[in-house]
Amino acid sequence: MRRLERQLCEAIRRASHGQRGRVPAAGRELLSVFGSLSAARSWHANGPNPIAFAEIQAWCALMRVPLPAAHVAIIRAMDQAWTEAFYKIRDAGNGDQKTLPPISKAPLTAALFDVAAG
């Protein structure tokens, strides 16, 4: 199972970078389950949330597909590989995209506070 997990996670990482990953025949069904779960994932202000155990359990009940614990572990590992790749790509940023500095260089004065706070 460890080998299958490594192969699927590597395929996820490669696909995240626009490359073609090799998916073993034994992992195609797990990749399909991951795709279904990932398509319905929730997002927050900074990006995607990881797939929770409750979401996997709900998917299994809805689709009437029992998943052994080893398969759930592989799906969670694939999700971790996907979210890490997402944040790595996002944090690398776009070279021509301008970003604002995180902290203002102007000191906070009473007048500036009144303008900002209204």
N, C-alpha and C. Protein backbone atom coordinates (compact mmCIF):
# COMPACT_ATOMS: atom_id res chain seq x y z
N MET A 1 0.82 -1.20 0.00
CA MET A 1 0.00 0.00 0.00
C MET A 1 0.87 1.27 0.00
N ARG A 2 2.02 1.20 0.65
CA ARG A 2 2.90 2.39 0.70
C ARG A 2 3.37 2.78 -0.70
N ARG A 3 3.67 1.77 -1.49
CA ARG A 3 4.14 2.05 -2.85
C ARG A 3 3.03 2.71 -3.67
N LEU A 4 1.82 2.19 -3.55
CA LEU A 4 0.67 2.77 -4.26
C LEU A 4 0.45 4.21 -3.80
N GLU A 5 0.56 4.45 -2.50
CA GLU A 5 0.39 5.81 -1.96
C GLU A 5 1.44 6.75 -2.54
N ARG A 6 2.69 6.32 -2.57
CA ARG A 6 3.76 7.16 -3.14
C ARG A 6 3.50 7.46 -4.61
N GLN A 7 3.08 6.44 -5.37
CA GLN A 7 2.84 6.64 -6.81
C GLN A 7 1.68 7.60 -7.05
N LEU A 8 0.61 7.46 -6.29
CA LEU A 8 -0.54 8.34 -6.47
C LEU A 8 -0.23 9.77 -6.04
N CYS A 9 0.49 9.92 -4.95
CA CYS A 9 0.87 11.27 -4.50
C CYS A 9 1.79 11.95 -5.52
N GLU A 10 2.69 11.18 -6.09
CA GLU A 10 3.57 11.74 -7.11
C GLU A 10 2.78 12.14 -8.35
N ALA A 11 1.79 11.35 -8.72
CA ALA A 11 0.94 11.69 -9.86
C ALA A 11 0.16 12.98 -9.59
N ILE A 12 -0.31 13.15 -8.36
CA ILE A 12 -1.02 14.38 -7.98
C ILE A 12 -0.09 15.58 -8.07
N ARG A 13 1.12 15.44 -7.55
CA ARG A 13 2.09 16.55 -7.60
C ARG A 13 2.41 16.94 -9.04
N ARG A 14 2.63 15.94 -9.88
CA ARG A 14 2.96 16.22 -11.28
C ARG A 14 1.78 16.90 -11.98
N ALA A 15 0.58 16.41 -11.74
CA ALA A 15 -0.60 17.01 -12.37
C ALA A 15 -0.80 18.45 -11.91
N SER A 16 -0.45 18.74 -10.67
CA SER A 16 -0.57 20.11 -10.15
C SER A 16 0.35 21.07 -10.88
N HIS A 17 1.45 20.55 -11.41
CA HIS A 17 2.40 21.39 -12.13
C HIS A 17 2.21 21.30 -13.64
N GLY A 18 1.09 20.71 -14.07
CA GLY A 18 0.79 20.63 -15.49
C GLY A 18 1.53 19.52 -16.22
N GLN A 19 2.16 18.64 -15.48
CA GLN A 19 2.87 17.52 -16.09
C GLN A 19 1.99 16.28 -16.06
N ARG A 20 2.38 15.32 -16.83
CA ARG A 20 1.62 14.08 -16.88
C ARG A 20 2.18 13.10 -15.86
N GLY A 21 1.32 12.60 -15.00
CA GLY A 21 1.72 11.64 -13.98
C GLY A 21 1.29 10.24 -14.35
N ARG A 22 2.04 9.26 -13.90
CA ARG A 22 1.72 7.86 -14.17
C ARG A 22 0.85 7.34 -13.04
N VAL A 23 -0.36 6.95 -13.37
CA VAL A 23 -1.30 6.41 -12.37
C VAL A 23 -1.37 4.90 -12.58
N PRO A 24 -0.97 4.14 -11.57
CA PRO A 24 -1.05 2.69 -11.71
C PRO A 24 -2.51 2.23 -11.79
N ALA A 25 -2.73 1.11 -12.44
CA ALA A 25 -4.09 0.59 -12.61
C ALA A 25 -4.76 0.36 -11.27
N ALA A 26 -3.99 -0.05 -10.27
CA ALA A 26 -4.56 -0.31 -8.94
C ALA A 26 -5.05 0.96 -8.26
N GLY A 27 -4.60 2.12 -8.71
CA GLY A 27 -4.95 3.36 -8.06
C GLY A 27 -5.99 4.20 -8.79
N ARG A 28 -6.46 3.74 -9.92
CA ARG A 28 -7.41 4.53 -10.70
C ARG A 28 -8.71 4.79 -9.96
N GLU A 29 -9.21 3.78 -9.27
CA GLU A 29 -10.47 3.97 -8.53
C GLU A 29 -10.27 4.94 -7.37
N LEU A 30 -9.13 4.83 -6.67
CA LEU A 30 -8.86 5.76 -5.58
C LEU A 30 -8.70 7.19 -6.10
N LEU A 31 -8.08 7.33 -7.26
CA LEU A 31 -7.94 8.66 -7.86
C LEU A 31 -9.31 9.22 -8.22
N SER A 32 -10.21 8.38 -8.67
CA SER A 32 -11.56 8.81 -8.98
C SER A 32 -12.30 9.27 -7.73
N VAL A 33 -12.15 8.52 -6.64
CA VAL A 33 -12.77 8.91 -5.37
C VAL A 33 -12.19 10.24 -4.90
N PHE A 34 -10.86 10.38 -4.99
CA PHE A 34 -10.23 11.64 -4.59
C PHE A 34 -10.75 12.80 -5.44
N GLY A 35 -10.91 12.58 -6.74
CA GLY A 35 -11.43 13.62 -7.61
C GLY A 35 -12.82 14.06 -7.22
N SER A 36 -13.67 13.10 -6.87
CA SER A 36 -15.04 13.44 -6.43
C SER A 36 -15.02 14.24 -5.14
N LEU A 37 -14.20 13.81 -4.20
CA LEU A 37 -14.11 14.52 -2.92
C LEU A 37 -13.49 15.90 -3.09
N SER A 38 -12.48 15.99 -3.93
CA SER A 38 -11.79 17.26 -4.13
C SER A 38 -12.69 18.28 -4.83
N ALA A 39 -13.53 17.81 -5.74
CA ALA A 39 -14.44 18.71 -6.45
C ALA A 39 -15.45 19.35 -5.50
N ALA A 40 -15.75 18.67 -4.40
CA ALA A 40 -16.74 19.19 -3.45
C ALA A 40 -16.09 19.80 -2.21
N ARG A 41 -14.79 20.00 -2.25
CA ARG A 41 -14.10 20.51 -1.05
C ARG A 41 -14.51 21.94 -0.74
N SER A 42 -14.40 22.31 0.52
CA SER A 42 -14.69 23.69 0.93
C SER A 42 -13.41 24.52 0.84
N TRP A 43 -13.61 25.81 0.71
CA TRP A 43 -12.49 26.76 0.60
C TRP A 43 -12.66 27.84 1.65
N HIS A 44 -11.54 28.42 2.07
CA HIS A 44 -11.57 29.58 2.95
C HIS A 44 -10.89 30.73 2.24
N ALA A 45 -10.70 31.82 2.92
CA ALA A 45 -10.20 33.03 2.27
C ALA A 45 -8.83 32.85 1.62
N ASN A 46 -7.99 31.97 2.15
CA ASN A 46 -6.65 31.80 1.61
C ASN A 46 -6.48 30.61 0.69
N GLY A 47 -7.50 29.78 0.58
CA GLY A 47 -7.37 28.62 -0.30
C GLY A 47 -8.22 27.45 0.16
N PRO A 48 -7.86 26.26 -0.31
CA PRO A 48 -8.69 25.08 -0.04
C PRO A 48 -8.49 24.53 1.37
N ASN A 49 -9.57 23.97 1.91
CA ASN A 49 -9.49 23.22 3.16
C ASN A 49 -9.16 21.77 2.83
N PRO A 50 -8.48 21.08 3.74
CA PRO A 50 -8.24 19.65 3.49
C PRO A 50 -9.55 18.88 3.56
N ILE A 51 -9.57 17.74 2.91
CA ILE A 51 -10.75 16.87 2.95
C ILE A 51 -10.81 16.21 4.32
N ALA A 52 -11.93 16.37 5.00
CA ALA A 52 -12.08 15.85 6.36
C ALA A 52 -12.57 14.41 6.33
N PHE A 53 -12.32 13.70 7.43
CA PHE A 53 -12.80 12.33 7.56
C PHE A 53 -14.32 12.28 7.43
N ALA A 54 -15.00 13.27 7.96
CA ALA A 54 -16.47 13.30 7.88
C ALA A 54 -16.94 13.39 6.44
N GLU A 55 -16.21 14.11 5.61
CA GLU A 55 -16.59 14.21 4.20
C GLU A 55 -16.38 12.87 3.48
N ILE A 56 -15.32 12.18 3.84
CA ILE A 56 -15.07 10.86 3.25
C ILE A 56 -16.16 9.89 3.69
N GLN A 57 -16.50 9.94 4.97
CA GLN A 57 -17.55 9.07 5.49
C GLN A 57 -18.89 9.38 4.82
N ALA A 58 -19.21 10.65 4.65
CA ALA A 58 -20.46 11.02 3.99
C ALA A 58 -20.47 10.56 2.54
N TRP A 59 -19.33 10.68 1.84
CA TRP A 59 -19.25 10.22 0.46
C TRP A 59 -19.49 8.71 0.39
N CYS A 60 -18.86 7.97 1.30
CA CYS A 60 -19.03 6.51 1.33
C CYS A 60 -20.49 6.13 1.57
N ALA A 61 -21.15 6.83 2.47
CA ALA A 61 -22.56 6.53 2.76
C ALA A 61 -23.44 6.90 1.57
N LEU A 62 -23.17 8.02 0.96
CA LEU A 62 -23.98 8.48 -0.17
C LEU A 62 -23.82 7.57 -1.39
N MET A 63 -22.61 7.17 -1.67
CA MET A 63 -22.33 6.34 -2.84
C MET A 63 -22.45 4.84 -2.54
N ARG A 64 -22.62 4.52 -1.26
CA ARG A 64 -22.70 3.12 -0.82
C ARG A 64 -21.47 2.33 -1.25
N VAL A 65 -20.33 2.96 -1.02
CA VAL A 65 -19.04 2.34 -1.33
C VAL A 65 -18.23 2.28 -0.04
N PRO A 66 -18.00 1.09 0.49
CA PRO A 66 -17.17 1.00 1.69
C PRO A 66 -15.69 1.18 1.32
N LEU A 67 -14.98 1.96 2.09
CA LEU A 67 -13.55 2.15 1.87
C LEU A 67 -12.79 1.60 3.07
N PRO A 68 -11.84 0.72 2.85
CA PRO A 68 -11.02 0.24 3.96
C PRO A 68 -10.15 1.38 4.51
N ALA A 69 -9.70 1.23 5.73
CA ALA A 69 -8.89 2.27 6.37
C ALA A 69 -7.63 2.59 5.57
N ALA A 70 -7.05 1.61 4.94
CA ALA A 70 -5.83 1.85 4.14
C ALA A 70 -6.13 2.76 2.96
N HIS A 71 -7.30 2.61 2.35
CA HIS A 71 -7.67 3.46 1.23
C HIS A 71 -7.97 4.88 1.69
N VAL A 72 -8.58 5.01 2.84
CA VAL A 72 -8.84 6.35 3.40
C VAL A 72 -7.50 7.05 3.67
N ALA A 73 -6.54 6.31 4.19
CA ALA A 73 -5.21 6.89 4.45
C ALA A 73 -4.56 7.35 3.15
N ILE A 74 -4.71 6.59 2.08
CA ILE A 74 -4.14 6.98 0.79
C ILE A 74 -4.83 8.23 0.26
N ILE A 75 -6.15 8.29 0.39
CA ILE A 75 -6.88 9.48 -0.07
C ILE A 75 -6.43 10.70 0.72
N ARG A 76 -6.24 10.56 2.01
CA ARG A 76 -5.77 11.69 2.83
C ARG A 76 -4.35 12.10 2.43
N ALA A 77 -3.50 11.14 2.11
CA ALA A 77 -2.14 11.46 1.66
C ALA A 77 -2.17 12.18 0.32
N MET A 78 -3.05 11.75 -0.58
CA MET A 78 -3.20 12.42 -1.86
C MET A 78 -3.69 13.86 -1.66
N ASP A 79 -4.61 14.03 -0.73
CA ASP A 79 -5.13 15.37 -0.44
C ASP A 79 -4.03 16.26 0.11
N GLN A 80 -3.19 15.71 0.98
CA GLN A 80 -2.10 16.49 1.53
C GLN A 80 -1.12 16.89 0.42
N ALA A 81 -0.82 15.96 -0.49
CA ALA A 81 0.07 16.28 -1.61
C ALA A 81 -0.54 17.37 -2.49
N TRP A 82 -1.86 17.29 -2.72
CA TRP A 82 -2.53 18.29 -3.55
C TRP A 82 -2.52 19.66 -2.90
N THR A 83 -2.87 19.73 -1.60
CA THR A 83 -2.91 21.03 -0.93
C THR A 83 -1.51 21.63 -0.81
N GLU A 84 -0.50 20.81 -0.54
CA GLU A 84 0.87 21.33 -0.48
C GLU A 84 1.29 21.89 -1.83
N ALA A 85 0.96 21.19 -2.91
CA ALA A 85 1.30 21.68 -4.25
C ALA A 85 0.54 22.97 -4.56
N PHE A 86 -0.73 23.04 -4.15
CA PHE A 86 -1.53 24.25 -4.39
C PHE A 86 -0.88 25.45 -3.70
N TYR A 87 -0.55 25.31 -2.41
CA TYR A 87 0.01 26.44 -1.68
C TYR A 87 1.42 26.78 -2.16
N LYS A 88 2.17 25.79 -2.58
CA LYS A 88 3.51 26.06 -3.10
C LYS A 88 3.43 26.88 -4.38
N ILE A 89 2.51 26.51 -5.26
CA ILE A 89 2.34 27.26 -6.51
C ILE A 89 1.81 28.65 -6.22
N ARG A 90 0.84 28.74 -5.32
CA ARG A 90 0.26 30.05 -4.99
C ARG A 90 1.29 30.97 -4.35
N ASP A 91 2.10 30.44 -3.45
CA ASP A 91 3.09 31.26 -2.76
C ASP A 91 4.25 31.65 -3.65
N ALA A 92 4.50 30.86 -4.70
CA ALA A 92 5.56 31.23 -5.63
C ALA A 92 5.19 32.51 -6.36
N GLY A 93 3.89 32.70 -6.55
CA GLY A 93 3.40 33.94 -7.15
C GLY A 93 3.73 34.06 -8.62
N ASN A 94 3.22 35.10 -9.18
CA ASN A 94 3.44 35.40 -10.58
C ASN A 94 4.49 36.50 -10.64
N GLY A 95 5.52 36.33 -11.42
CA GLY A 95 6.63 37.28 -11.48
C GLY A 95 6.22 38.68 -11.87
N ASP A 96 5.21 38.82 -12.71
CA ASP A 96 4.81 40.16 -13.15
C ASP A 96 3.68 40.73 -12.32
N GLN A 97 3.25 40.01 -11.31
CA GLN A 97 2.16 40.49 -10.45
C GLN A 97 2.74 41.34 -9.32
N LYS A 98 2.20 42.53 -9.16
CA LYS A 98 2.68 43.42 -8.11
C LYS A 98 1.96 43.10 -6.82
N THR A 99 2.69 43.11 -5.73
CA THR A 99 2.10 42.87 -4.42
C THR A 99 2.39 44.06 -3.52
N LEU A 100 1.51 44.31 -2.60
CA LEU A 100 1.70 45.40 -1.66
C LEU A 100 2.59 44.94 -0.51
N PRO A 101 3.36 45.85 0.07
CA PRO A 101 4.14 45.46 1.24
C PRO A 101 3.21 45.13 2.40
N PRO A 102 3.57 44.15 3.22
CA PRO A 102 2.67 43.73 4.30
C PRO A 102 2.51 44.77 5.41
N ILE A 103 3.50 45.61 5.61
CA ILE A 103 3.45 46.59 6.69
C ILE A 103 3.70 47.98 6.12
N SER A 104 2.89 48.93 6.57
CA SER A 104 3.06 50.30 6.11
C SER A 104 4.32 50.90 6.71
N LYS A 105 5.02 51.70 5.92
CA LYS A 105 6.21 52.37 6.41
C LYS A 105 5.87 53.70 7.08
N ALA A 106 4.62 54.16 6.91
CA ALA A 106 4.20 55.40 7.54
C ALA A 106 3.79 55.12 8.99
N PRO A 107 4.24 55.94 9.93
CA PRO A 107 3.84 55.72 11.31
C PRO A 107 2.36 56.04 11.51
N LEU A 108 1.75 55.37 12.46
CA LEU A 108 0.34 55.60 12.75
C LEU A 108 0.21 56.87 13.60
N THR A 109 -0.55 57.83 13.09
CA THR A 109 -0.81 59.06 13.83
C THR A 109 -2.30 59.11 14.16
N ALA A 110 -2.65 60.03 15.02
CA ALA A 110 -4.05 60.17 15.38
C ALA A 110 -4.90 60.54 14.18
N ALA A 111 -4.40 61.41 13.31
CA ALA A 111 -5.13 61.80 12.11
C ALA A 111 -5.31 60.64 11.16
N LEU A 112 -4.26 59.82 10.99
CA LEU A 112 -4.35 58.67 10.13
C LEU A 112 -5.34 57.64 10.68
N PHE A 113 -5.34 57.46 11.98
CA PHE A 113 -6.29 56.55 12.61
C PHE A 113 -7.73 57.03 12.40
N ASP A 114 -7.96 58.37 12.54
CA ASP A 114 -9.29 58.91 12.32
C ASP A 114 -9.78 58.70 10.89
N VAL A 115 -8.87 58.82 9.92
CA VAL A 115 -9.22 58.61 8.53
C VAL A 115 -9.58 57.13 8.31
N ALA A 116 -8.77 56.25 8.87
CA ALA A 116 -8.99 54.80 8.65
C ALA A 116 -10.22 54.30 9.42
N ALA A 117 -10.44 54.77 10.63
CA ALA A 117 -11.53 54.28 11.45
C ALA A 117 -12.83 55.03 11.21
N GLY A 118 -12.74 56.16 10.59
CA GLY A 118 -13.96 56.92 10.27
C GLY A 118 -14.35 57.78 11.37
